[in-house]
Amino acid sequence: MPSKVIIIDYGSQVTQLIARRVREAGVYSEIHPCVVTAAQVKAMQPSAIILSGGPASVGEKDAPALDKGFLDLGVPVLGICYGMQLLAFNLGGGLEQSETREYGPADLRFVRSCALWDGIDLTKLSRVWMSHGDTVKTPPAGFLVTGSTDTLEVAAMADEARKIYAVQFHPEVHHSVDGDTMLRNFLFKIAKITRTGLSSL
């Protein structure tokens, strides 16, 4: 069975870019709407799951929700932006809603090493691209803060025992200098995916 990455789309304008980055890495992926269930995703036999960003505010009425069953499938999960907030909200972390959005570049400071940062110089700041309103104030139990910025104490977090990783920024856009390395670390060093050369849908 070829490796397959399932991308859950929460309405981000750049979800297709996530799929493009995965495809450029030589890995097959599929984008599915956020109403897809964990049971349906399990039947797809994914090697990893990526939760996309999105414009909604977590916890508000009609905001796209997370099927927590995704976290019980035994495959690595990467939450990006809204995906990170969903993970925090559903796993007992603390969120702060904001009336203004942070949009633009930021300098990521690596708080501690983790598999997602493998091969990156952790002594230097890494330019990343932010586009979010809400923020994670406290990570859930089992998660450690792995990155911060001048405005965000929790810009990245990870529960490496469960292979759940989350970043507030968008590694899929070219403005995030080390974003491609991070995504490839998720695919190849965390999910242990073998390149197939198949296109992404």
N, C-alpha and C. Protein backbone atom coordinates (compact mmCIF):
# COMPACT_ATOMS: atom_id res chain seq x y z
N MET A 1 0.85 -1.20 0.00
CA MET A 1 0.00 0.00 0.00
C MET A 1 0.89 1.24 0.00
N PRO A 2 0.77 2.09 -1.03
CA PRO A 2 1.60 3.30 -1.09
C PRO A 2 1.28 4.25 0.07
N SER A 3 2.29 5.02 0.45
CA SER A 3 2.08 6.02 1.49
C SER A 3 1.10 7.08 1.00
N LYS A 4 0.30 7.60 1.94
CA LYS A 4 -0.72 8.57 1.58
C LYS A 4 -0.88 9.57 2.72
N VAL A 5 -0.88 10.85 2.39
CA VAL A 5 -1.13 11.90 3.37
C VAL A 5 -2.52 12.47 3.13
N ILE A 6 -3.32 12.52 4.19
CA ILE A 6 -4.66 13.10 4.10
C ILE A 6 -4.61 14.50 4.69
N ILE A 7 -5.01 15.48 3.89
CA ILE A 7 -5.05 16.88 4.32
C ILE A 7 -6.50 17.25 4.58
N ILE A 8 -6.79 17.65 5.81
CA ILE A 8 -8.15 18.06 6.17
C ILE A 8 -8.26 19.57 5.95
N ASP A 9 -9.18 19.96 5.10
CA ASP A 9 -9.30 21.37 4.69
C ASP A 9 -10.30 22.11 5.56
N TYR A 10 -9.79 23.08 6.32
CA TYR A 10 -10.64 23.92 7.17
C TYR A 10 -10.89 25.29 6.55
N GLY A 11 -10.67 25.41 5.26
CA GLY A 11 -11.04 26.63 4.56
C GLY A 11 -9.92 27.61 4.30
N SER A 12 -8.69 27.19 4.51
CA SER A 12 -7.56 28.08 4.24
C SER A 12 -7.45 28.37 2.75
N GLN A 13 -7.02 29.58 2.43
CA GLN A 13 -6.79 29.94 1.03
C GLN A 13 -5.57 29.24 0.46
N VAL A 14 -4.75 28.68 1.35
CA VAL A 14 -3.51 28.06 0.86
C VAL A 14 -3.45 26.55 1.13
N THR A 15 -4.61 25.93 1.34
CA THR A 15 -4.62 24.48 1.54
C THR A 15 -4.02 23.76 0.34
N GLN A 16 -4.31 24.26 -0.87
CA GLN A 16 -3.75 23.62 -2.07
C GLN A 16 -2.23 23.68 -2.07
N LEU A 17 -1.68 24.71 -1.41
CA LEU A 17 -0.23 24.82 -1.34
C LEU A 17 0.37 23.71 -0.47
N ILE A 18 -0.37 23.31 0.57
CA ILE A 18 0.11 22.20 1.40
C ILE A 18 0.25 20.96 0.52
N ALA A 19 -0.80 20.69 -0.25
CA ALA A 19 -0.78 19.52 -1.14
C ALA A 19 0.35 19.64 -2.16
N ARG A 20 0.57 20.84 -2.64
CA ARG A 20 1.64 21.04 -3.62
C ARG A 20 3.01 20.73 -3.01
N ARG A 21 3.23 21.19 -1.79
CA ARG A 21 4.52 20.92 -1.12
C ARG A 21 4.70 19.41 -0.89
N VAL A 22 3.63 18.74 -0.50
CA VAL A 22 3.71 17.29 -0.30
C VAL A 22 4.00 16.60 -1.62
N ARG A 23 3.34 17.04 -2.68
CA ARG A 23 3.55 16.45 -4.00
C ARG A 23 4.99 16.68 -4.46
N GLU A 24 5.50 17.90 -4.24
CA GLU A 24 6.87 18.20 -4.65
C GLU A 24 7.89 17.35 -3.90
N ALA A 25 7.50 16.88 -2.72
CA ALA A 25 8.38 15.99 -1.95
C ALA A 25 8.29 14.54 -2.43
N GLY A 26 7.42 14.29 -3.42
CA GLY A 26 7.29 12.95 -3.97
C GLY A 26 6.35 12.05 -3.20
N VAL A 27 5.38 12.66 -2.50
CA VAL A 27 4.45 11.89 -1.68
C VAL A 27 3.02 12.13 -2.15
N TYR A 28 2.24 11.07 -2.24
CA TYR A 28 0.84 11.16 -2.65
C TYR A 28 0.00 11.75 -1.52
N SER A 29 -0.93 12.64 -1.87
CA SER A 29 -1.82 13.20 -0.85
C SER A 29 -3.19 13.48 -1.43
N GLU A 30 -4.14 13.59 -0.54
CA GLU A 30 -5.51 13.94 -0.92
C GLU A 30 -6.03 15.01 0.03
N ILE A 31 -6.78 15.96 -0.50
CA ILE A 31 -7.44 16.99 0.30
C ILE A 31 -8.89 16.57 0.50
N HIS A 32 -9.36 16.60 1.74
CA HIS A 32 -10.75 16.27 2.05
C HIS A 32 -11.36 17.38 2.89
N PRO A 33 -12.65 17.67 2.69
CA PRO A 33 -13.31 18.71 3.48
C PRO A 33 -13.36 18.34 4.95
N CYS A 34 -13.47 19.35 5.81
CA CYS A 34 -13.38 19.12 7.25
C CYS A 34 -14.57 18.35 7.82
N VAL A 35 -15.57 18.07 7.01
CA VAL A 35 -16.70 17.26 7.49
C VAL A 35 -16.41 15.76 7.39
N VAL A 36 -15.26 15.40 6.81
CA VAL A 36 -14.91 13.99 6.71
C VAL A 36 -14.71 13.43 8.12
N THR A 37 -15.11 12.20 8.33
CA THR A 37 -15.03 11.60 9.67
C THR A 37 -13.75 10.79 9.83
N ALA A 38 -13.41 10.54 11.09
CA ALA A 38 -12.24 9.73 11.37
C ALA A 38 -12.39 8.33 10.80
N ALA A 39 -13.62 7.80 10.83
CA ALA A 39 -13.86 6.48 10.28
C ALA A 39 -13.59 6.45 8.78
N GLN A 40 -14.01 7.51 8.10
CA GLN A 40 -13.77 7.59 6.66
C GLN A 40 -12.28 7.70 6.36
N VAL A 41 -11.59 8.52 7.17
CA VAL A 41 -10.15 8.69 6.96
C VAL A 41 -9.41 7.39 7.28
N LYS A 42 -9.84 6.69 8.30
CA LYS A 42 -9.20 5.40 8.64
C LYS A 42 -9.28 4.44 7.46
N ALA A 43 -10.42 4.44 6.78
CA ALA A 43 -10.59 3.55 5.63
C ALA A 43 -9.65 3.90 4.48
N MET A 44 -9.16 5.14 4.48
CA MET A 44 -8.22 5.58 3.45
C MET A 44 -6.80 5.11 3.73
N GLN A 45 -6.57 4.57 4.93
CA GLN A 45 -5.27 4.06 5.36
C GLN A 45 -4.16 5.11 5.20
N PRO A 46 -4.31 6.24 5.88
CA PRO A 46 -3.32 7.31 5.74
C PRO A 46 -2.02 6.98 6.47
N SER A 47 -0.94 7.55 5.97
CA SER A 47 0.35 7.47 6.66
C SER A 47 0.53 8.64 7.61
N ALA A 48 -0.19 9.73 7.34
CA ALA A 48 -0.12 10.93 8.17
C ALA A 48 -1.32 11.80 7.85
N ILE A 49 -1.62 12.72 8.76
CA ILE A 49 -2.74 13.65 8.60
C ILE A 49 -2.24 15.07 8.83
N ILE A 50 -2.65 15.99 7.97
CA ILE A 50 -2.33 17.40 8.15
C ILE A 50 -3.64 18.17 8.28
N LEU A 51 -3.76 18.96 9.34
CA LEU A 51 -4.93 19.81 9.56
C LEU A 51 -4.59 21.21 9.06
N SER A 52 -5.35 21.71 8.11
CA SER A 52 -5.01 22.98 7.47
C SER A 52 -5.40 24.18 8.34
N GLY A 53 -5.02 25.34 7.86
CA GLY A 53 -5.48 26.58 8.47
C GLY A 53 -6.91 26.87 8.05
N GLY A 54 -7.44 28.00 8.50
CA GLY A 54 -8.79 28.39 8.14
C GLY A 54 -9.15 29.72 8.76
N PRO A 55 -10.20 30.37 8.25
CA PRO A 55 -10.56 31.72 8.70
C PRO A 55 -11.43 31.78 9.95
N ALA A 56 -11.94 30.65 10.40
CA ALA A 56 -12.90 30.65 11.51
C ALA A 56 -12.20 30.87 12.86
N SER A 57 -13.01 31.10 13.88
CA SER A 57 -12.53 31.23 15.25
C SER A 57 -12.96 29.98 16.01
N VAL A 58 -11.99 29.23 16.51
CA VAL A 58 -12.28 27.95 17.18
C VAL A 58 -13.24 28.16 18.35
N GLY A 59 -14.24 27.30 18.44
CA GLY A 59 -15.18 27.37 19.55
C GLY A 59 -16.42 28.18 19.27
N GLU A 60 -16.38 29.02 18.24
CA GLU A 60 -17.58 29.79 17.91
C GLU A 60 -18.62 28.89 17.26
N LYS A 61 -19.88 29.33 17.32
CA LYS A 61 -20.96 28.57 16.71
C LYS A 61 -20.70 28.38 15.23
N ASP A 62 -20.88 27.17 14.76
CA ASP A 62 -20.73 26.78 13.36
C ASP A 62 -19.27 26.76 12.90
N ALA A 63 -18.32 26.97 13.80
CA ALA A 63 -16.91 26.87 13.40
C ALA A 63 -16.58 25.41 13.09
N PRO A 64 -15.76 25.17 12.07
CA PRO A 64 -15.38 23.79 11.75
C PRO A 64 -14.74 23.10 12.96
N ALA A 65 -15.14 21.87 13.18
CA ALA A 65 -14.69 21.14 14.37
C ALA A 65 -13.66 20.07 14.01
N LEU A 66 -13.04 19.55 15.04
CA LEU A 66 -12.07 18.47 14.88
C LEU A 66 -12.69 17.15 15.32
N ASP A 67 -12.64 16.16 14.46
CA ASP A 67 -13.02 14.81 14.86
C ASP A 67 -11.83 14.25 15.63
N LYS A 68 -11.96 14.14 16.96
CA LYS A 68 -10.83 13.71 17.78
C LYS A 68 -10.39 12.29 17.45
N GLY A 69 -11.22 11.59 16.71
CA GLY A 69 -10.84 10.25 16.27
C GLY A 69 -9.62 10.25 15.37
N PHE A 70 -9.34 11.42 14.73
CA PHE A 70 -8.13 11.52 13.92
C PHE A 70 -6.89 11.22 14.75
N LEU A 71 -6.97 11.58 16.04
CA LEU A 71 -5.80 11.45 16.91
C LEU A 71 -5.64 10.03 17.45
N ASP A 72 -6.61 9.18 17.16
CA ASP A 72 -6.57 7.80 17.63
C ASP A 72 -6.25 6.80 16.52
N LEU A 73 -5.89 7.33 15.35
CA LEU A 73 -5.62 6.44 14.21
C LEU A 73 -4.20 5.90 14.21
N GLY A 74 -3.38 6.41 15.14
CA GLY A 74 -2.02 5.89 15.24
C GLY A 74 -1.06 6.41 14.19
N VAL A 75 -1.42 7.52 13.53
CA VAL A 75 -0.53 8.12 12.53
C VAL A 75 -0.17 9.53 12.98
N PRO A 76 0.98 10.05 12.56
CA PRO A 76 1.38 11.40 12.94
C PRO A 76 0.39 12.45 12.42
N VAL A 77 0.24 13.52 13.20
CA VAL A 77 -0.67 14.61 12.86
C VAL A 77 0.10 15.93 12.93
N LEU A 78 -0.09 16.77 11.93
CA LEU A 78 0.48 18.12 11.92
C LEU A 78 -0.66 19.12 11.80
N GLY A 79 -0.79 20.00 12.79
CA GLY A 79 -1.79 21.06 12.75
C GLY A 79 -1.15 22.38 12.36
N ILE A 80 -1.71 23.03 11.36
CA ILE A 80 -1.19 24.30 10.87
C ILE A 80 -2.20 25.41 11.15
N CYS A 81 -1.80 26.45 11.87
CA CYS A 81 -2.63 27.63 12.13
C CYS A 81 -3.95 27.24 12.82
N TYR A 82 -5.08 27.28 12.12
CA TYR A 82 -6.35 26.87 12.70
C TYR A 82 -6.26 25.43 13.19
N GLY A 83 -5.51 24.60 12.48
CA GLY A 83 -5.33 23.21 12.90
C GLY A 83 -4.66 23.12 14.26
N MET A 84 -3.71 24.01 14.52
CA MET A 84 -3.06 24.05 15.84
C MET A 84 -4.06 24.47 16.91
N GLN A 85 -4.87 25.47 16.61
CA GLN A 85 -5.86 25.94 17.58
C GLN A 85 -6.90 24.87 17.87
N LEU A 86 -7.29 24.12 16.86
CA LEU A 86 -8.22 23.01 17.06
C LEU A 86 -7.64 21.96 18.01
N LEU A 87 -6.37 21.65 17.81
CA LEU A 87 -5.73 20.66 18.68
C LEU A 87 -5.70 21.15 20.12
N ALA A 88 -5.33 22.42 20.31
CA ALA A 88 -5.28 22.98 21.66
C ALA A 88 -6.67 22.98 22.31
N PHE A 89 -7.66 23.41 21.56
CA PHE A 89 -9.03 23.53 22.06
C PHE A 89 -9.59 22.17 22.47
N ASN A 90 -9.34 21.17 21.65
CA ASN A 90 -9.93 19.85 21.88
C ASN A 90 -9.16 18.99 22.88
N LEU A 91 -7.93 19.37 23.16
CA LEU A 91 -7.11 18.57 24.06
C LEU A 91 -6.88 19.24 25.41
N GLY A 92 -7.60 20.34 25.65
CA GLY A 92 -7.55 20.94 26.97
C GLY A 92 -6.58 22.10 27.13
N GLY A 93 -6.05 22.61 26.04
CA GLY A 93 -5.18 23.78 26.12
C GLY A 93 -5.99 25.06 26.23
N GLY A 94 -5.30 26.17 26.37
CA GLY A 94 -5.97 27.46 26.50
C GLY A 94 -5.81 28.31 25.25
N LEU A 95 -6.92 28.92 24.81
CA LEU A 95 -6.91 29.79 23.64
C LEU A 95 -7.26 31.22 24.03
N GLU A 96 -6.78 32.15 23.24
CA GLU A 96 -7.15 33.54 23.43
C GLU A 96 -7.67 34.08 22.11
N GLN A 97 -8.90 34.58 22.14
CA GLN A 97 -9.48 35.15 20.93
C GLN A 97 -9.03 36.59 20.77
N SER A 98 -8.78 36.97 19.54
CA SER A 98 -8.28 38.31 19.25
C SER A 98 -9.23 39.03 18.31
N GLU A 99 -9.33 40.35 18.49
CA GLU A 99 -10.18 41.14 17.60
C GLU A 99 -9.41 41.55 16.35
N THR A 100 -8.11 41.37 16.35
CA THR A 100 -7.31 41.72 15.19
C THR A 100 -6.51 40.50 14.74
N ARG A 101 -6.17 40.48 13.48
CA ARG A 101 -5.39 39.38 12.93
C ARG A 101 -3.92 39.76 12.83
N GLU A 102 -3.06 38.78 13.06
CA GLU A 102 -1.64 38.97 12.79
C GLU A 102 -1.40 38.44 11.39
N TYR A 103 -0.96 39.31 10.50
CA TYR A 103 -0.77 38.91 9.11
C TYR A 103 0.56 39.46 8.63
N GLY A 104 1.46 38.56 8.29
CA GLY A 104 2.75 38.99 7.79
C GLY A 104 3.89 38.19 8.38
N PRO A 105 5.12 38.66 8.15
CA PRO A 105 6.29 37.91 8.60
C PRO A 105 6.51 38.02 10.10
N ALA A 106 7.14 37.00 10.65
CA ALA A 106 7.54 36.99 12.05
C ALA A 106 8.81 36.16 12.17
N ASP A 107 9.55 36.38 13.24
CA ASP A 107 10.80 35.65 13.46
C ASP A 107 10.55 34.57 14.51
N LEU A 108 10.68 33.33 14.08
CA LEU A 108 10.47 32.19 14.97
C LEU A 108 11.73 31.91 15.77
N ARG A 109 11.55 31.80 17.07
CA ARG A 109 12.65 31.43 17.97
C ARG A 109 12.43 29.98 18.39
N PHE A 110 13.43 29.14 18.21
CA PHE A 110 13.30 27.72 18.55
C PHE A 110 13.53 27.56 20.05
N VAL A 111 12.47 27.19 20.76
CA VAL A 111 12.53 27.06 22.21
C VAL A 111 13.21 25.77 22.63
N ARG A 112 12.93 24.70 21.89
CA ARG A 112 13.58 23.41 22.16
C ARG A 112 13.59 22.59 20.87
N SER A 113 14.49 21.65 20.82
CA SER A 113 14.60 20.82 19.62
C SER A 113 13.44 19.83 19.56
N CYS A 114 13.08 19.47 18.36
CA CYS A 114 12.09 18.42 18.12
C CYS A 114 12.30 17.91 16.72
N ALA A 115 11.68 16.80 16.39
CA ALA A 115 11.90 16.18 15.08
C ALA A 115 11.52 17.10 13.93
N LEU A 116 10.56 17.99 14.15
CA LEU A 116 10.12 18.89 13.08
C LEU A 116 11.21 19.88 12.70
N TRP A 117 12.13 20.15 13.62
CA TRP A 117 13.19 21.14 13.38
C TRP A 117 14.49 20.49 12.90
N ASP A 118 14.49 19.21 12.65
CA ASP A 118 15.73 18.51 12.32
C ASP A 118 16.41 19.15 11.11
N GLY A 119 17.72 19.41 11.25
CA GLY A 119 18.48 19.98 10.14
C GLY A 119 18.42 21.49 10.05
N ILE A 120 17.68 22.14 10.94
CA ILE A 120 17.58 23.60 10.95
C ILE A 120 18.50 24.14 12.05
N ASP A 121 19.16 25.24 11.79
CA ASP A 121 20.03 25.87 12.79
C ASP A 121 19.16 26.50 13.88
N LEU A 122 19.11 25.85 15.02
CA LEU A 122 18.21 26.30 16.09
C LEU A 122 18.76 27.49 16.85
N THR A 123 19.99 27.89 16.56
CA THR A 123 20.57 29.04 17.25
C THR A 123 20.18 30.35 16.58
N LYS A 124 19.58 30.26 15.40
CA LYS A 124 19.19 31.46 14.66
C LYS A 124 17.67 31.58 14.59
N LEU A 125 17.20 32.80 14.36
CA LEU A 125 15.78 33.02 14.13
C LEU A 125 15.41 32.55 12.73
N SER A 126 14.18 32.07 12.57
CA SER A 126 13.70 31.61 11.28
C SER A 126 12.50 32.45 10.87
N ARG A 127 12.56 33.07 9.70
CA ARG A 127 11.46 33.90 9.22
C ARG A 127 10.28 33.02 8.81
N VAL A 128 9.11 33.29 9.37
CA VAL A 128 7.90 32.53 9.06
C VAL A 128 6.77 33.48 8.72
N TRP A 129 5.71 32.94 8.15
CA TRP A 129 4.56 33.75 7.74
C TRP A 129 3.35 33.44 8.61
N MET A 130 2.82 34.50 9.22
CA MET A 130 1.66 34.38 10.09
C MET A 130 0.40 34.89 9.39
N SER A 131 -0.72 34.25 9.69
CA SER A 131 -2.03 34.73 9.24
C SER A 131 -3.08 34.13 10.16
N HIS A 132 -3.33 34.81 11.28
CA HIS A 132 -4.24 34.24 12.27
C HIS A 132 -4.82 35.33 13.15
N GLY A 133 -5.93 34.97 13.82
CA GLY A 133 -6.53 35.86 14.80
C GLY A 133 -6.32 35.30 16.19
N ASP A 134 -6.91 34.14 16.46
CA ASP A 134 -6.79 33.52 17.78
C ASP A 134 -5.38 32.96 17.98
N THR A 135 -5.02 32.77 19.25
CA THR A 135 -3.72 32.22 19.57
C THR A 135 -3.83 31.19 20.70
N VAL A 136 -2.88 30.30 20.75
CA VAL A 136 -2.79 29.33 21.85
C VAL A 136 -2.01 29.97 22.99
N LYS A 137 -2.63 30.03 24.15
CA LYS A 137 -1.97 30.63 25.32
C LYS A 137 -1.25 29.58 26.15
N THR A 138 -1.88 28.42 26.33
CA THR A 138 -1.26 27.33 27.07
C THR A 138 -1.44 26.03 26.30
N PRO A 139 -0.37 25.28 26.08
CA PRO A 139 -0.51 24.01 25.35
C PRO A 139 -1.23 22.97 26.18
N PRO A 140 -1.83 21.98 25.55
CA PRO A 140 -2.50 20.90 26.28
C PRO A 140 -1.49 20.04 27.04
N ALA A 141 -1.98 19.26 27.96
CA ALA A 141 -1.15 18.32 28.70
C ALA A 141 -0.43 17.39 27.72
N GLY A 142 0.85 17.17 27.96
CA GLY A 142 1.63 16.32 27.09
C GLY A 142 2.37 17.06 26.00
N PHE A 143 2.00 18.32 25.78
CA PHE A 143 2.65 19.12 24.75
C PHE A 143 3.70 20.04 25.36
N LEU A 144 4.78 20.24 24.64
CA LEU A 144 5.80 21.19 25.02
C LEU A 144 5.87 22.29 23.98
N VAL A 145 6.13 23.50 24.43
CA VAL A 145 6.31 24.62 23.50
C VAL A 145 7.64 24.42 22.78
N THR A 146 7.62 24.44 21.46
CA THR A 146 8.84 24.22 20.68
C THR A 146 9.30 25.47 19.94
N GLY A 147 8.42 26.48 19.85
CA GLY A 147 8.79 27.71 19.16
C GLY A 147 7.98 28.88 19.65
N SER A 148 8.57 30.07 19.61
CA SER A 148 7.87 31.28 20.02
C SER A 148 8.30 32.45 19.14
N THR A 149 7.56 33.55 19.21
CA THR A 149 7.94 34.78 18.53
C THR A 149 7.82 35.92 19.54
N ASP A 150 8.11 37.12 19.09
CA ASP A 150 8.00 38.26 19.99
C ASP A 150 6.57 38.50 20.45
N THR A 151 5.60 38.06 19.66
CA THR A 151 4.20 38.28 20.01
C THR A 151 3.47 37.02 20.46
N LEU A 152 4.08 35.84 20.24
CA LEU A 152 3.44 34.58 20.59
C LEU A 152 4.36 33.72 21.44
N GLU A 153 3.93 33.45 22.65
CA GLU A 153 4.72 32.56 23.49
C GLU A 153 4.64 31.13 22.98
N VAL A 154 3.47 30.78 22.41
CA VAL A 154 3.28 29.43 21.87
C VAL A 154 3.07 29.54 20.35
N ALA A 155 4.17 29.58 19.62
CA ALA A 155 4.09 29.64 18.16
C ALA A 155 4.19 28.25 17.55
N ALA A 156 4.64 27.30 18.36
CA ALA A 156 4.72 25.90 17.91
C ALA A 156 4.73 25.02 19.16
N MET A 157 4.17 23.83 19.02
CA MET A 157 4.11 22.90 20.16
C MET A 157 4.12 21.48 19.63
N ALA A 158 4.49 20.55 20.50
CA ALA A 158 4.57 19.16 20.06
C ALA A 158 4.36 18.21 21.23
N ASP A 159 3.68 17.12 20.92
CA ASP A 159 3.61 15.96 21.82
C ASP A 159 4.30 14.85 21.05
N GLU A 160 5.61 14.74 21.24
CA GLU A 160 6.38 13.82 20.41
C GLU A 160 6.06 12.36 20.71
N ALA A 161 5.60 12.08 21.93
CA ALA A 161 5.24 10.70 22.26
C ALA A 161 4.07 10.23 21.39
N ARG A 162 3.14 11.14 21.11
CA ARG A 162 1.98 10.80 20.27
C ARG A 162 2.18 11.19 18.81
N LYS A 163 3.32 11.82 18.52
CA LYS A 163 3.64 12.29 17.17
C LYS A 163 2.59 13.29 16.67
N ILE A 164 2.22 14.22 17.56
CA ILE A 164 1.31 15.31 17.19
C ILE A 164 2.11 16.61 17.26
N TYR A 165 2.15 17.31 16.15
CA TYR A 165 2.92 18.55 16.03
C TYR A 165 1.99 19.67 15.56
N ALA A 166 2.30 20.89 15.97
CA ALA A 166 1.45 22.01 15.58
C ALA A 166 2.26 23.29 15.49
N VAL A 167 1.95 24.09 14.48
CA VAL A 167 2.62 25.37 14.28
C VAL A 167 1.57 26.44 13.99
N GLN A 168 1.77 27.63 14.53
CA GLN A 168 0.82 28.71 14.31
C GLN A 168 1.01 29.38 12.96
N PHE A 169 2.20 29.24 12.41
CA PHE A 169 2.52 29.88 11.13
C PHE A 169 2.23 28.92 9.98
N HIS A 170 2.52 29.38 8.77
CA HIS A 170 2.23 28.59 7.57
C HIS A 170 3.52 28.12 6.92
N PRO A 171 3.96 26.90 7.20
CA PRO A 171 5.21 26.40 6.60
C PRO A 171 5.08 26.14 5.10
N GLU A 172 3.85 26.07 4.61
CA GLU A 172 3.65 25.73 3.20
C GLU A 172 3.92 26.90 2.25
N VAL A 173 3.95 28.13 2.76
CA VAL A 173 4.18 29.28 1.88
C VAL A 173 5.67 29.58 1.80
N HIS A 174 6.09 30.14 0.69
CA HIS A 174 7.54 30.33 0.48
C HIS A 174 8.12 31.39 1.41
N HIS A 175 7.25 32.24 2.00
CA HIS A 175 7.73 33.25 2.95
C HIS A 175 8.33 32.61 4.20
N SER A 176 7.90 31.39 4.52
CA SER A 176 8.47 30.67 5.66
C SER A 176 9.74 29.98 5.19
N VAL A 177 10.88 30.56 5.56
CA VAL A 177 12.16 30.18 4.97
C VAL A 177 12.48 28.70 5.16
N ASP A 178 12.22 28.17 6.36
CA ASP A 178 12.53 26.77 6.63
C ASP A 178 11.30 25.87 6.55
N GLY A 179 10.22 26.40 5.99
CA GLY A 179 8.96 25.66 5.95
C GLY A 179 9.05 24.35 5.20
N ASP A 180 9.76 24.35 4.08
CA ASP A 180 9.86 23.13 3.29
C ASP A 180 10.61 22.05 4.06
N THR A 181 11.66 22.45 4.78
CA THR A 181 12.39 21.49 5.62
C THR A 181 11.49 20.91 6.70
N MET A 182 10.67 21.76 7.31
CA MET A 182 9.76 21.30 8.36
C MET A 182 8.77 20.28 7.82
N LEU A 183 8.18 20.59 6.66
CA LEU A 183 7.20 19.66 6.08
C LEU A 183 7.85 18.34 5.69
N ARG A 184 9.05 18.40 5.15
CA ARG A 184 9.74 17.17 4.77
C ARG A 184 10.15 16.36 6.01
N ASN A 185 10.50 17.07 7.08
CA ASN A 185 10.78 16.34 8.33
C ASN A 185 9.54 15.61 8.82
N PHE A 186 8.39 16.28 8.69
CA PHE A 186 7.14 15.63 9.11
C PHE A 186 6.87 14.38 8.27
N LEU A 187 7.08 14.51 6.97
CA LEU A 187 6.79 13.39 6.07
C LEU A 187 7.76 12.23 6.25
N PHE A 188 9.05 12.55 6.27
CA PHE A 188 10.05 11.50 6.15
C PHE A 188 10.68 11.07 7.48
N LYS A 189 10.79 11.98 8.44
CA LYS A 189 11.45 11.64 9.70
C LYS A 189 10.45 11.32 10.81
N ILE A 190 9.27 11.88 10.71
CA ILE A 190 8.25 11.61 11.72
C ILE A 190 7.29 10.52 11.23
N ALA A 191 6.73 10.71 10.03
CA ALA A 191 5.79 9.73 9.49
C ALA A 191 6.49 8.55 8.82
N LYS A 192 7.81 8.67 8.56
CA LYS A 192 8.59 7.59 7.96
C LYS A 192 8.04 7.17 6.60
N ILE A 193 7.60 8.16 5.83
CA ILE A 193 7.01 7.90 4.52
C ILE A 193 8.10 7.61 3.50
N THR A 194 7.81 6.72 2.59
CA THR A 194 8.70 6.43 1.47
C THR A 194 8.19 7.16 0.25
N ARG A 195 9.08 7.84 -0.43
CA ARG A 195 8.68 8.58 -1.64
C ARG A 195 8.10 7.63 -2.67
N THR A 196 6.99 8.09 -3.30
CA THR A 196 6.36 7.28 -4.34
C THR A 196 6.43 7.93 -5.70
N GLY A 197 6.58 9.26 -5.72
CA GLY A 197 6.57 9.98 -6.97
C GLY A 197 5.19 10.21 -7.52
N LEU A 198 4.16 9.77 -6.80
CA LEU A 198 2.79 9.95 -7.27
C LEU A 198 2.33 11.37 -7.06
N SER A 199 1.45 11.83 -7.92
CA SER A 199 0.94 13.19 -7.80
C SER A 199 -0.06 13.29 -6.66
N SER A 200 -0.29 14.53 -6.26
CA SER A 200 -1.28 14.83 -5.24
C SER A 200 -2.59 15.20 -5.91
N LEU A 201 -3.71 14.85 -5.30
CA LEU A 201 -5.01 15.22 -5.85
C LEU A 201 -5.52 16.47 -5.17
